[in-house]
Amino acid sequence: MRHTIEVNGIKSFAHHGCLPEETAIGGHYLIDVQMETNFSVAAIDDDLSKTIDYVAVNKIVEEEMDIPSKLIEHVGQRIVNRLKSELNGIDFVRVKVTKLSPPINGDVNNVAIIIEE
């Protein structure tokens, strides 16, 4: 059986980017996490310890977003790695990191990376 847990729209203000101004000033980000697992026992027993805790997911994302990086690709991979190593029962994970109002030449709302493992 396959179940999906999503923690979407995690808001973060972080200091990522290749330009010195980006790391100094910071910017706004949205992070979406999707995990496939089997929470059948949790659904029957009403037991948080038998599923993935959303609070733990949010904490991992916040901690990794607090570490400045040049690339959101790097931040996204760190998030994936920690989710897989620290949370039990993840069969598949998808992380999307969206950088709002990126400083690029053009009228662009956002840029995003997606990692699926």
PDB file of N, CA and C in Angstrom:
ATOM      1  N   MET A   1       0.839  -1.179   0.000  1.00  0.00           N
ATOM      2  CA  MET A   1       0.000   0.000   0.000  1.00  0.00           C
ATOM      3  C   MET A   1       0.884   1.242   0.000  1.00  0.00           C
ATOM      4  N   ARG A   2       0.446   2.257  -0.708  1.00  0.00           N
ATOM      5  CA  ARG A   2       1.207   3.497  -0.801  1.00  0.00           C
ATOM      6  C   ARG A   2       0.368   4.653  -0.275  1.00  0.00           C
ATOM      7  N   HIS A   3       0.959   5.392   0.641  1.00  0.00           N
ATOM      8  CA  HIS A   3       0.329   6.594   1.185  1.00  0.00           C
ATOM      9  C   HIS A   3       1.257   7.772   0.948  1.00  0.00           C
ATOM     10  N   THR A   4       0.685   8.946   0.852  1.00  0.00           N
ATOM     11  CA  THR A   4       1.473  10.155   0.628  1.00  0.00           C
ATOM     12  C   THR A   4       1.218  11.157   1.743  1.00  0.00           C
ATOM     13  N   ILE A   5       2.297  11.733   2.224  1.00  0.00           N
ATOM     14  CA  ILE A   5       2.235  12.832   3.190  1.00  0.00           C
ATOM     15  C   ILE A   5       2.899  14.027   2.524  1.00  0.00           C
ATOM     16  N   GLU A   6       2.239  15.172   2.587  1.00  0.00           N
ATOM     17  CA  GLU A   6       2.799  16.394   2.029  1.00  0.00           C
ATOM     18  C   GLU A   6       2.851  17.478   3.097  1.00  0.00           C
ATOM     19  N   VAL A   7       3.951  18.197   3.111  1.00  0.00           N
ATOM     20  CA  VAL A   7       4.083  19.414   3.915  1.00  0.00           C
ATOM     21  C   VAL A   7       4.430  20.493   2.893  1.00  0.00           C
ATOM     22  N   ASN A   8       3.464  21.336   2.572  1.00  0.00           N
ATOM     23  CA  ASN A   8       3.595  22.284   1.467  1.00  0.00           C
ATOM     24  C   ASN A   8       3.624  23.730   1.935  1.00  0.00           C
ATOM     25  N   GLY A   9       4.325  24.539   1.177  1.00  0.00           N
ATOM     26  CA  GLY A   9       4.334  25.979   1.424  1.00  0.00           C
ATOM     27  C   GLY A   9       5.082  26.382   2.678  1.00  0.00           C
ATOM     28  N   ILE A  10       6.141  25.643   3.002  1.00  0.00           N
ATOM     29  CA  ILE A  10       6.960  26.042   4.147  1.00  0.00           C
ATOM     30  C   ILE A  10       7.654  27.345   3.752  1.00  0.00           C
ATOM     31  N   LYS A  11       7.395  28.397   4.494  1.00  0.00           N
ATOM     32  CA  LYS A  11       7.940  29.713   4.169  1.00  0.00           C
ATOM     33  C   LYS A  11       9.267  29.907   4.896  1.00  0.00           C
ATOM     34  N   SER A  12      10.231  30.444   4.148  1.00  0.00           N
ATOM     35  CA  SER A  12      11.550  30.659   4.724  1.00  0.00           C
ATOM     36  C   SER A  12      12.143  31.944   4.183  1.00  0.00           C
ATOM     37  N   PHE A  13      12.807  32.661   5.054  1.00  0.00           N
ATOM     38  CA  PHE A  13      13.637  33.792   4.629  1.00  0.00           C
ATOM     39  C   PHE A  13      15.065  33.328   4.835  1.00  0.00           C
ATOM     40  N   ALA A  14      15.838  33.265   3.745  1.00  0.00           N
ATOM     41  CA  ALA A  14      17.170  32.669   3.831  1.00  0.00           C
ATOM     42  C   ALA A  14      18.164  33.455   2.977  1.00  0.00           C
ATOM     43  N   HIS A  15      19.424  33.100   3.132  1.00  0.00           N
ATOM     44  CA  HIS A  15      20.521  33.823   2.492  1.00  0.00           C
ATOM     45  C   HIS A  15      21.271  32.923   1.513  1.00  0.00           C
ATOM     46  N   HIS A  16      20.590  32.547   0.433  1.00  0.00           N
ATOM     47  CA  HIS A  16      21.187  31.699  -0.600  1.00  0.00           C
ATOM     48  C   HIS A  16      21.393  32.512  -1.867  1.00  0.00           C
ATOM     49  N   GLY A  17      22.440  32.185  -2.589  1.00  0.00           N
ATOM     50  CA  GLY A  17      22.656  32.827  -3.877  1.00  0.00           C
ATOM     51  C   GLY A  17      24.120  32.960  -4.209  1.00  0.00           C
ATOM     52  N   CYS A  18      24.390  33.132  -5.486  1.00  0.00           N
ATOM     53  CA  CYS A  18      25.762  33.281  -5.976  1.00  0.00           C
ATOM     54  C   CYS A  18      26.254  34.724  -5.866  1.00  0.00           C
ATOM     55  N   LEU A  19      25.313  35.661  -5.867  1.00  0.00           N
ATOM     56  CA  LEU A  19      25.698  37.068  -5.776  1.00  0.00           C
ATOM     57  C   LEU A  19      25.892  37.472  -4.315  1.00  0.00           C
ATOM     58  N   PRO A  20      26.909  38.273  -4.021  1.00  0.00           N
ATOM     59  CA  PRO A  20      27.139  38.712  -2.635  1.00  0.00           C
ATOM     60  C   PRO A  20      25.913  39.399  -2.024  1.00  0.00           C
ATOM     61  N   GLU A  21      25.166  40.143  -2.860  1.00  0.00           N
ATOM     62  CA  GLU A  21      23.975  40.840  -2.354  1.00  0.00           C
ATOM     63  C   GLU A  21      22.912  39.852  -1.859  1.00  0.00           C
ATOM     64  N   GLU A  22      22.806  38.710  -2.555  1.00  0.00           N
ATOM     65  CA  GLU A  22      21.801  37.722  -2.171  1.00  0.00           C
ATOM     66  C   GLU A  22      22.088  37.153  -0.786  1.00  0.00           C
ATOM     67  N   THR A  23      23.347  36.858  -0.534  1.00  0.00           N
ATOM     68  CA  THR A  23      23.690  36.281   0.770  1.00  0.00           C
ATOM     69  C   THR A  23      23.643  37.340   1.860  1.00  0.00           C
ATOM     70  N   ALA A  24      23.893  38.595   1.509  1.00  0.00           N
ATOM     71  CA  ALA A  24      23.847  39.671   2.507  1.00  0.00           C
ATOM     72  C   ALA A  24      22.407  40.074   2.820  1.00  0.00           C
ATOM     73  N   ILE A  25      21.604  40.262   1.786  1.00  0.00           N
ATOM     74  CA  ILE A  25      20.230  40.765   1.962  1.00  0.00           C
ATOM     75  C   ILE A  25      19.255  39.641   2.288  1.00  0.00           C
ATOM     76  N   GLY A  26      19.410  38.511   1.629  1.00  0.00           N
ATOM     77  CA  GLY A  26      18.486  37.396   1.816  1.00  0.00           C
ATOM     78  C   GLY A  26      17.281  37.505   0.909  1.00  0.00           C
ATOM     79  N   GLY A  27      16.469  36.452   0.924  1.00  0.00           N
ATOM     80  CA  GLY A  27      15.283  36.425   0.091  1.00  0.00           C
ATOM     81  C   GLY A  27      14.253  35.439   0.604  1.00  0.00           C
ATOM     82  N   HIS A  28      13.105  35.451  -0.030  1.00  0.00           N
ATOM     83  CA  HIS A  28      11.986  34.600   0.382  1.00  0.00           C
ATOM     84  C   HIS A  28      11.941  33.320  -0.453  1.00  0.00           C
ATOM     85  N   TYR A  29      11.614  32.219   0.229  1.00  0.00           N
ATOM     86  CA  TYR A  29      11.561  30.891  -0.380  1.00  0.00           C
ATOM     87  C   TYR A  29      10.311  30.160   0.078  1.00  0.00           C
ATOM     88  N   LEU A  30       9.857  29.238  -0.762  1.00  0.00           N
ATOM     89  CA  LEU A  30       8.794  28.297  -0.406  1.00  0.00           C
ATOM     90  C   LEU A  30       9.330  26.893  -0.644  1.00  0.00           C
ATOM     91  N   ILE A  31       9.061  26.001   0.293  1.00  0.00           N
ATOM     92  CA  ILE A  31       9.529  24.627   0.170  1.00  0.00           C
ATOM     93  C   ILE A  31       8.339  23.697   0.301  1.00  0.00           C
ATOM     94  N   ASP A  32       8.242  22.740  -0.629  1.00  0.00           N
ATOM     95  CA  ASP A  32       7.204  21.712  -0.604  1.00  0.00           C
ATOM     96  C   ASP A  32       7.883  20.359  -0.460  1.00  0.00           C
ATOM     97  N   VAL A  33       7.356  19.537   0.444  1.00  0.00           N
ATOM     98  CA  VAL A  33       7.910  18.199   0.668  1.00  0.00           C
ATOM     99  C   VAL A  33       6.791  17.179   0.497  1.00  0.00           C
ATOM    100  N   GLN A  34       7.052  16.181  -0.318  1.00  0.00           N
ATOM    101  CA  GLN A  34       6.110  15.081  -0.526  1.00  0.00           C
ATOM    102  C   GLN A  34       6.849  13.783  -0.220  1.00  0.00           C
ATOM    103  N   MET A  35       6.239  12.932   0.606  1.00  0.00           N
ATOM    104  CA  MET A  35       6.859  11.661   0.974  1.00  0.00           C
ATOM    105  C   MET A  35       5.855  10.538   0.803  1.00  0.00           C
ATOM    106  N   GLU A  36       6.319   9.438   0.214  1.00  0.00           N
ATOM    107  CA  GLU A  36       5.503   8.237   0.143  1.00  0.00           C
ATOM    108  C   GLU A  36       5.954   7.306   1.250  1.00  0.00           C
ATOM    109  N   THR A  37       4.981   6.714   1.912  1.00  0.00           N
ATOM    110  CA  THR A  37       5.224   5.861   3.061  1.00  0.00           C
ATOM    111  C   THR A  37       4.047   4.909   3.201  1.00  0.00           C
ATOM    112  N   ASN A  38       4.034   4.149   4.255  1.00  0.00           N
ATOM    113  CA  ASN A  38       2.877   3.312   4.578  1.00  0.00           C
ATOM    114  C   ASN A  38       2.458   3.670   5.998  1.00  0.00           C
ATOM    115  N   PHE A  39       1.362   4.416   6.102  1.00  0.00           N
ATOM    116  CA  PHE A  39       0.885   4.801   7.434  1.00  0.00           C
ATOM    117  C   PHE A  39      -0.389   4.055   7.837  1.00  0.00           C
ATOM    118  N   SER A  40      -0.521   2.829   7.352  1.00  0.00           N
ATOM    119  CA  SER A  40      -1.700   2.017   7.669  1.00  0.00           C
ATOM    120  C   SER A  40      -1.887   1.822   9.168  1.00  0.00           C
ATOM    121  N   VAL A  41      -0.807   1.489   9.866  1.00  0.00           N
ATOM    122  CA  VAL A  41      -0.896   1.250  11.312  1.00  0.00           C
ATOM    123  C   VAL A  41      -1.276   2.537  12.035  1.00  0.00           C
ATOM    124  N   ALA A  42      -0.658   3.645  11.647  1.00  0.00           N
ATOM    125  CA  ALA A  42      -0.985   4.929  12.275  1.00  0.00           C
ATOM    126  C   ALA A  42      -2.450   5.294  12.050  1.00  0.00           C
ATOM    127  N   ALA A  43      -2.953   5.008  10.853  1.00  0.00           N
ATOM    128  CA  ALA A  43      -4.341   5.327  10.529  1.00  0.00           C
ATOM    129  C   ALA A  43      -5.317   4.513  11.377  1.00  0.00           C
ATOM    130  N   ILE A  44      -4.938   3.291  11.686  1.00  0.00           N
ATOM    131  CA  ILE A  44      -5.799   2.425  12.494  1.00  0.00           C
ATOM    132  C   ILE A  44      -5.651   2.733  13.983  1.00  0.00           C
ATOM    133  N   ASP A  45      -4.390   2.862  14.429  1.00  0.00           N
ATOM    134  CA  ASP A  45      -4.111   3.029  15.861  1.00  0.00           C
ATOM    135  C   ASP A  45      -4.126   4.476  16.342  1.00  0.00           C
ATOM    136  N   ASP A  46      -4.196   5.431  15.428  1.00  0.00           N
ATOM    137  CA  ASP A  46      -4.157   6.845  15.790  1.00  0.00           C
ATOM    138  C   ASP A  46      -2.886   7.153  16.584  1.00  0.00           C
ATOM    139  N   ASP A  47      -1.736   6.684  16.040  1.00  0.00           N
ATOM    140  CA  ASP A  47      -0.459   6.732  16.749  1.00  0.00           C
ATOM    141  C   ASP A  47       0.576   7.475  15.905  1.00  0.00           C
ATOM    142  N   LEU A  48       0.985   8.651  16.367  1.00  0.00           N
ATOM    143  CA  LEU A  48       1.942   9.477  15.647  1.00  0.00           C
ATOM    144  C   LEU A  48       3.276   8.779  15.428  1.00  0.00           C
ATOM    145  N   SER A  49       3.673   7.922  16.360  1.00  0.00           N
ATOM    146  CA  SER A  49       4.968   7.249  16.236  1.00  0.00           C
ATOM    147  C   SER A  49       5.005   6.244  15.080  1.00  0.00           C
ATOM    148  N   LYS A  50       3.863   5.962  14.482  1.00  0.00           N
ATOM    149  CA  LYS A  50       3.777   4.999  13.376  1.00  0.00           C
ATOM    150  C   LYS A  50       3.704   5.675  12.007  1.00  0.00           C
ATOM    151  N   THR A  51       3.992   6.974  11.982  1.00  0.00           N
ATOM    152  CA  THR A  51       3.968   7.714  10.719  1.00  0.00           C
ATOM    153  C   THR A  51       5.050   8.775  10.741  1.00  0.00           C
ATOM    154  N   ILE A  52       5.076   9.617   9.734  1.00  0.00           N
ATOM    155  CA  ILE A  52       6.058  10.698   9.635  1.00  0.00           C
ATOM    156  C   ILE A  52       5.484  11.945  10.296  1.00  0.00           C
ATOM    157  N   ASP A  53       6.234  12.490  11.229  1.00  0.00           N
ATOM    158  CA  ASP A  53       5.805  13.658  11.994  1.00  0.00           C
ATOM    159  C   ASP A  53       6.051  14.925  11.175  1.00  0.00           C
ATOM    160  N   TYR A  54       4.993  15.672  10.890  1.00  0.00           N
ATOM    161  CA  TYR A  54       5.102  16.901  10.101  1.00  0.00           C
ATOM    162  C   TYR A  54       6.021  17.917  10.776  1.00  0.00           C
ATOM    163  N   VAL A  55       5.997  17.940  12.100  1.00  0.00           N
ATOM    164  CA  VAL A  55       6.839  18.874  12.857  1.00  0.00           C
ATOM    165  C   VAL A  55       8.314  18.591  12.579  1.00  0.00           C
ATOM    166  N   ALA A  56       8.676  17.316  12.534  1.00  0.00           N
ATOM    167  CA  ALA A  56      10.064  16.936  12.253  1.00  0.00           C
ATOM    168  C   ALA A  56      10.456  17.337  10.833  1.00  0.00           C
ATOM    169  N   VAL A  57       9.552  17.172   9.887  1.00  0.00           N
ATOM    170  CA  VAL A  57       9.812  17.562   8.503  1.00  0.00           C
ATOM    171  C   VAL A  57      10.078  19.067   8.439  1.00  0.00           C
ATOM    172  N   ASN A  58       9.209  19.843   9.044  1.00  0.00           N
ATOM    173  CA  ASN A  58       9.345  21.301   9.045  1.00  0.00           C
ATOM    174  C   ASN A  58      10.651  21.730   9.701  1.00  0.00           C
ATOM    175  N   LYS A  59      11.018  21.086  10.792  1.00  0.00           N
ATOM    176  CA  LYS A  59      12.251  21.421  11.515  1.00  0.00           C
ATOM    177  C   LYS A  59      13.481  21.177  10.642  1.00  0.00           C
ATOM    178  N   ILE A  60      13.524  20.048   9.956  1.00  0.00           N
ATOM    179  CA  ILE A  60      14.644  19.738   9.066  1.00  0.00           C
ATOM    180  C   ILE A  60      14.752  20.791   7.962  1.00  0.00           C
ATOM    181  N   VAL A  61      13.630  21.127   7.359  1.00  0.00           N
ATOM    182  CA  VAL A  61      13.634  22.133   6.294  1.00  0.00           C
ATOM    183  C   VAL A  61      14.148  23.466   6.837  1.00  0.00           C
ATOM    184  N   GLU A  62      13.621  23.901   7.964  1.00  0.00           N
ATOM    185  CA  GLU A  62      14.045  25.185   8.537  1.00  0.00           C
ATOM    186  C   GLU A  62      15.536  25.199   8.852  1.00  0.00           C
ATOM    187  N   GLU A  63      16.037  24.122   9.433  1.00  0.00           N
ATOM    188  CA  GLU A  63      17.464  24.059   9.783  1.00  0.00           C
ATOM    189  C   GLU A  63      18.351  24.109   8.550  1.00  0.00           C
ATOM    190  N   GLU A  64      17.977  23.408   7.499  1.00  0.00           N
ATOM    191  CA  GLU A  64      18.786  23.414   6.281  1.00  0.00           C
ATOM    192  C   GLU A  64      18.683  24.741   5.543  1.00  0.00           C
ATOM    193  N   MET A  65      17.523  25.369   5.574  1.00  0.00           N
ATOM    194  CA  MET A  65      17.371  26.672   4.930  1.00  0.00           C
ATOM    195  C   MET A  65      18.180  27.744   5.655  1.00  0.00           C
ATOM    196  N   ASP A  66      18.462  27.554   6.928  1.00  0.00           N
ATOM    197  CA  ASP A  66      19.249  28.513   7.704  1.00  0.00           C
ATOM    198  C   ASP A  66      20.742  28.478   7.378  1.00  0.00           C
ATOM    199  N   ILE A  67      21.184  27.462   6.643  1.00  0.00           N
ATOM    200  CA  ILE A  67      22.597  27.345   6.275  1.00  0.00           C
ATOM    201  C   ILE A  67      22.781  27.944   4.882  1.00  0.00           C
ATOM    202  N   PRO A  68      23.473  29.090   4.774  1.00  0.00           N
ATOM    203  CA  PRO A  68      23.629  29.732   3.468  1.00  0.00           C
ATOM    204  C   PRO A  68      24.342  28.832   2.453  1.00  0.00           C
ATOM    205  N   SER A  69      23.850  28.860   1.226  1.00  0.00           N
ATOM    206  CA  SER A  69      24.434  28.119   0.109  1.00  0.00           C
ATOM    207  C   SER A  69      24.371  28.990  -1.137  1.00  0.00           C
ATOM    208  N   LYS A  70      25.246  28.704  -2.067  1.00  0.00           N
ATOM    209  CA  LYS A  70      25.197  29.432  -3.330  1.00  0.00           C
ATOM    210  C   LYS A  70      24.005  28.980  -4.161  1.00  0.00           C
ATOM    211  N   LEU A  71      23.717  27.677  -4.125  1.00  0.00           N
ATOM    212  CA  LEU A  71      22.698  27.106  -5.008  1.00  0.00           C
ATOM    213  C   LEU A  71      21.539  26.490  -4.220  1.00  0.00           C
ATOM    214  N   ILE A  72      20.317  26.732  -4.702  1.00  0.00           N
ATOM    215  CA  ILE A  72      19.169  26.068  -4.073  1.00  0.00           C
ATOM    216  C   ILE A  72      19.196  24.576  -4.373  1.00  0.00           C
ATOM    217  N   GLU A  73      19.902  24.179  -5.412  1.00  0.00           N
ATOM    218  CA  GLU A  73      20.089  22.761  -5.697  1.00  0.00           C
ATOM    219  C   GLU A  73      20.787  22.067  -4.527  1.00  0.00           C
ATOM    220  N   HIS A  74      21.779  22.749  -3.977  1.00  0.00           N
ATOM    221  CA  HIS A  74      22.539  22.211  -2.840  1.00  0.00           C
ATOM    222  C   HIS A  74      21.661  22.118  -1.590  1.00  0.00           C
ATOM    223  N   VAL A  75      20.899  23.175  -1.344  1.00  0.00           N
ATOM    224  CA  VAL A  75      19.998  23.185  -0.187  1.00  0.00           C
ATOM    225  C   VAL A  75      18.966  22.065  -0.313  1.00  0.00           C
ATOM    226  N   GLY A  76      18.387  21.920  -1.492  1.00  0.00           N
ATOM    227  CA  GLY A  76      17.388  20.877  -1.724  1.00  0.00           C
ATOM    228  C   GLY A  76      17.941  19.490  -1.471  1.00  0.00           C
ATOM    229  N   GLN A  77      19.154  19.237  -1.923  1.00  0.00           N
ATOM    230  CA  GLN A  77      19.759  17.919  -1.720  1.00  0.00           C
ATOM    231  C   GLN A  77      20.037  17.663  -0.245  1.00  0.00           C
ATOM    232  N   ARG A  78      20.469  18.689   0.473  1.00  0.00           N
ATOM    233  CA  ARG A  78      20.686  18.531   1.921  1.00  0.00           C
ATOM    234  C   ARG A  78      19.378  18.183   2.629  1.00  0.00           C
ATOM    235  N   ILE A  79      18.293  18.826   2.227  1.00  0.00           N
ATOM    236  CA  ILE A  79      16.983  18.532   2.827  1.00  0.00           C
ATOM    237  C   ILE A  79      16.602  17.085   2.562  1.00  0.00           C
ATOM    238  N   VAL A  80      16.729  16.648   1.312  1.00  0.00           N
ATOM    239  CA  VAL A  80      16.416  15.259   0.956  1.00  0.00           C
ATOM    240  C   VAL A  80      17.253  14.289   1.777  1.00  0.00           C
ATOM    241  N   ASN A  81      18.546  14.543   1.856  1.00  0.00           N
ATOM    242  CA  ASN A  81      19.442  13.643   2.593  1.00  0.00           C
ATOM    243  C   ASN A  81      19.045  13.519   4.059  1.00  0.00           C
ATOM    244  N   ARG A  82      18.727  14.632   4.685  1.00  0.00           N
ATOM    245  CA  ARG A  82      18.342  14.586   6.102  1.00  0.00           C
ATOM    246  C   ARG A  82      17.002  13.900   6.308  1.00  0.00           C
ATOM    247  N   LEU A  83      16.037  14.177   5.450  1.00  0.00           N
ATOM    248  CA  LEU A  83      14.734  13.522   5.579  1.00  0.00           C
ATOM    249  C   LEU A  83      14.905  12.010   5.517  1.00  0.00           C
ATOM    250  N   LYS A  84      15.680  11.553   4.531  1.00  0.00           N
ATOM    251  CA  LYS A  84      15.874  10.112   4.353  1.00  0.00           C
ATOM    252  C   LYS A  84      16.667   9.481   5.496  1.00  0.00           C
ATOM    253  N   SER A  85      17.602  10.215   6.058  1.00  0.00           N
ATOM    254  CA  SER A  85      18.440   9.626   7.107  1.00  0.00           C
ATOM    255  C   SER A  85      17.822   9.738   8.497  1.00  0.00           C
ATOM    256  N   GLU A  86      16.983  10.733   8.721  1.00  0.00           N
ATOM    257  CA  GLU A  86      16.474  10.971  10.075  1.00  0.00           C
ATOM    258  C   GLU A  86      15.036  10.510  10.309  1.00  0.00           C
ATOM    259  N   LEU A  87      14.279  10.308   9.241  1.00  0.00           N
ATOM    260  CA  LEU A  87      12.879   9.914   9.398  1.00  0.00           C
ATOM    261  C   LEU A  87      12.678   8.507   8.853  1.00  0.00           C
ATOM    262  N   ASN A  88      12.017   7.676   9.623  1.00  0.00           N
ATOM    263  CA  ASN A  88      11.794   6.286   9.235  1.00  0.00           C
ATOM    264  C   ASN A  88      10.570   6.155   8.331  1.00  0.00           C
ATOM    265  N   GLY A  89      10.648   5.192   7.433  1.00  0.00           N
ATOM    266  CA  GLY A  89       9.477   4.821   6.645  1.00  0.00           C
ATOM    267  C   GLY A  89       9.290   5.575   5.352  1.00  0.00           C
ATOM    268  N   ILE A  90      10.259   6.380   4.950  1.00  0.00           N
ATOM    269  CA  ILE A  90      10.119   7.108   3.689  1.00  0.00           C
ATOM    270  C   ILE A  90      10.556   6.198   2.542  1.00  0.00           C
ATOM    271  N   ASP A  91       9.615   5.901   1.634  1.00  0.00           N
ATOM    272  CA  ASP A  91       9.907   5.085   0.462  1.00  0.00           C
ATOM    273  C   ASP A  91      10.306   5.943  -0.737  1.00  0.00           C
ATOM    274  N   PHE A  92       9.823   7.165  -0.753  1.00  0.00           N
ATOM    275  CA  PHE A  92      10.092   8.094  -1.846  1.00  0.00           C
ATOM    276  C   PHE A  92       9.935   9.495  -1.282  1.00  0.00           C
ATOM    277  N   VAL A  93      10.790  10.411  -1.731  1.00  0.00           N
ATOM    278  CA  VAL A  93      10.675  11.793  -1.284  1.00  0.00           C
ATOM    279  C   VAL A  93      10.832  12.724  -2.478  1.00  0.00           C
ATOM    280  N   ARG A  94      10.064  13.796  -2.446  1.00  0.00           N
ATOM    281  CA  ARG A  94      10.138  14.843  -3.472  1.00  0.00           C
ATOM    282  C   ARG A  94      10.216  16.168  -2.735  1.00  0.00           C
ATOM    283  N   VAL A  95      11.255  16.942  -3.041  1.00  0.00           N
ATOM    284  CA  VAL A  95      11.438  18.253  -2.415  1.00  0.00           C
ATOM    285  C   VAL A  95      11.501  19.300  -3.513  1.00  0.00           C
ATOM    286  N   LYS A  96      10.709  20.336  -3.346  1.00  0.00           N
ATOM    287  CA  LYS A  96      10.724  21.471  -4.275  1.00  0.00           C
ATOM    288  C   LYS A  96      11.112  22.715  -3.480  1.00  0.00           C
ATOM    289  N   VAL A  97      12.172  23.384  -3.929  1.00  0.00           N
ATOM    290  CA  VAL A  97      12.604  24.637  -3.320  1.00  0.00           C
ATOM    291  C   VAL A  97      12.370  25.738  -4.341  1.00  0.00           C
ATOM    292  N   THR A  98      11.552  26.713  -3.977  1.00  0.00           N
ATOM    293  CA  THR A  98      11.208  27.820  -4.860  1.00  0.00           C
ATOM    294  C   THR A  98      11.792  29.106  -4.309  1.00  0.00           C
ATOM    295  N   LYS A  99      12.553  29.788  -5.154  1.00  0.00           N
ATOM    296  CA  LYS A  99      13.117  31.089  -4.793  1.00  0.00           C
ATOM    297  C   LYS A  99      12.220  32.159  -5.407  1.00  0.00           C
ATOM    298  N   LEU A 100      11.614  32.971  -4.560  1.00  0.00           N
ATOM    299  CA  LEU A 100      10.701  34.006  -5.017  1.00  0.00           C
ATOM    300  C   LEU A 100      11.480  35.252  -5.437  1.00  0.00           C
ATOM    301  N   SER A 101      11.045  35.888  -6.491  1.00  0.00           N
ATOM    302  CA  SER A 101      11.658  37.121  -7.002  1.00  0.00           C
ATOM    303  C   SER A 101      13.176  37.022  -7.127  1.00  0.00           C
ATOM    304  N   PRO A 102      13.669  36.084  -7.921  1.00  0.00           N
ATOM    305  CA  PRO A 102      15.118  35.933  -8.069  1.00  0.00           C
ATOM    306  C   PRO A 102      15.731  37.129  -8.808  1.00  0.00           C
ATOM    307  N   PRO A 103      16.962  37.495  -8.449  1.00  0.00           N
ATOM    308  CA  PRO A 103      17.604  38.640  -9.102  1.00  0.00           C
ATOM    309  C   PRO A 103      18.227  38.252 -10.445  1.00  0.00           C
ATOM    310  N   ILE A 104      17.370  38.014 -11.428  1.00  0.00           N
ATOM    311  CA  ILE A 104      17.869  37.681 -12.766  1.00  0.00           C
ATOM    312  C   ILE A 104      17.344  38.730 -13.738  1.00  0.00           C
ATOM    313  N   ASN A 105      18.000  38.839 -14.855  1.00  0.00           N
ATOM    314  CA  ASN A 105      17.577  39.828 -15.852  1.00  0.00           C
ATOM    315  C   ASN A 105      16.298  39.348 -16.525  1.00  0.00           C
ATOM    316  N   GLY A 106      15.190  39.896 -16.096  1.00  0.00           N
ATOM    317  CA  GLY A 106      13.903  39.528 -16.670  1.00  0.00           C
ATOM    318  C   GLY A 106      12.815  39.611 -15.625  1.00  0.00           C
ATOM    319  N   ASP A 107      11.591  39.593 -16.095  1.00  0.00           N
ATOM    320  CA  ASP A 107      10.430  39.663 -15.215  1.00  0.00           C
ATOM    321  C   ASP A 107      10.010  38.237 -14.879  1.00  0.00           C
ATOM    322  N   VAL A 108      10.522  37.720 -13.754  1.00  0.00           N
ATOM    323  CA  VAL A 108      10.304  36.326 -13.373  1.00  0.00           C
ATOM    324  C   VAL A 108       9.769  36.284 -11.937  1.00  0.00           C
ATOM    325  N   ASN A 109       8.678  35.569 -11.738  1.00  0.00           N
ATOM    326  CA  ASN A 109       8.113  35.441 -10.387  1.00  0.00           C
ATOM    327  C   ASN A 109       8.987  34.598  -9.474  1.00  0.00           C
ATOM    328  N   ASN A 110       9.480  33.468 -10.011  1.00  0.00           N
ATOM    329  CA  ASN A 110      10.268  32.569  -9.177  1.00  0.00           C
ATOM    330  C   ASN A 110      11.057  31.598 -10.038  1.00  0.00           C
ATOM    331  N   VAL A 111      12.001  30.952  -9.381  1.00  0.00           N
ATOM    332  CA  VAL A 111      12.711  29.815  -9.965  1.00  0.00           C
ATOM    333  C   VAL A 111      12.612  28.690  -8.947  1.00  0.00           C
ATOM    334  N   ALA A 112      12.675  27.453  -9.412  1.00  0.00           N
ATOM    335  CA  ALA A 112      12.518  26.335  -8.490  1.00  0.00           C
ATOM    336  C   ALA A 112      13.342  25.142  -8.950  1.00  0.00           C
ATOM    337  N   ILE A 113      13.707  24.325  -7.968  1.00  0.00           N
ATOM    338  CA  ILE A 113      14.339  23.034  -8.269  1.00  0.00           C
ATOM    339  C   ILE A 113      13.468  21.957  -7.626  1.00  0.00           C
ATOM    340  N   ILE A 114      13.476  20.782  -8.231  1.00  0.00           N
ATOM    341  CA  ILE A 114      12.755  19.625  -7.685  1.00  0.00           C
ATOM    342  C   ILE A 114      13.708  18.449  -7.663  1.00  0.00           C
ATOM    343  N   ILE A 115      13.759  17.791  -6.511  1.00  0.00           N
ATOM    344  CA  ILE A 115      14.568  16.576  -6.374  1.00  0.00           C
ATOM    345  C   ILE A 115      13.627  15.444  -5.960  1.00  0.00           C
ATOM    346  N   GLU A 116      13.706  14.325  -6.666  1.00  0.00           N
ATOM    347  CA  GLU A 116      12.905  13.151  -6.359  1.00  0.00           C
ATOM    348  C   GLU A 116      13.831  11.953  -6.156  1.00  0.00           C
ATOM    349  N   GLU A 117      13.694  11.293  -5.040  1.00  0.00           N
ATOM    350  CA  GLU A 117      14.504  10.105  -4.763  1.00  0.00           C
ATOM    351  C   GLU A 117      13.637   9.058  -4.099  1.00  0.00           C
TER     352      GLU A 117
END
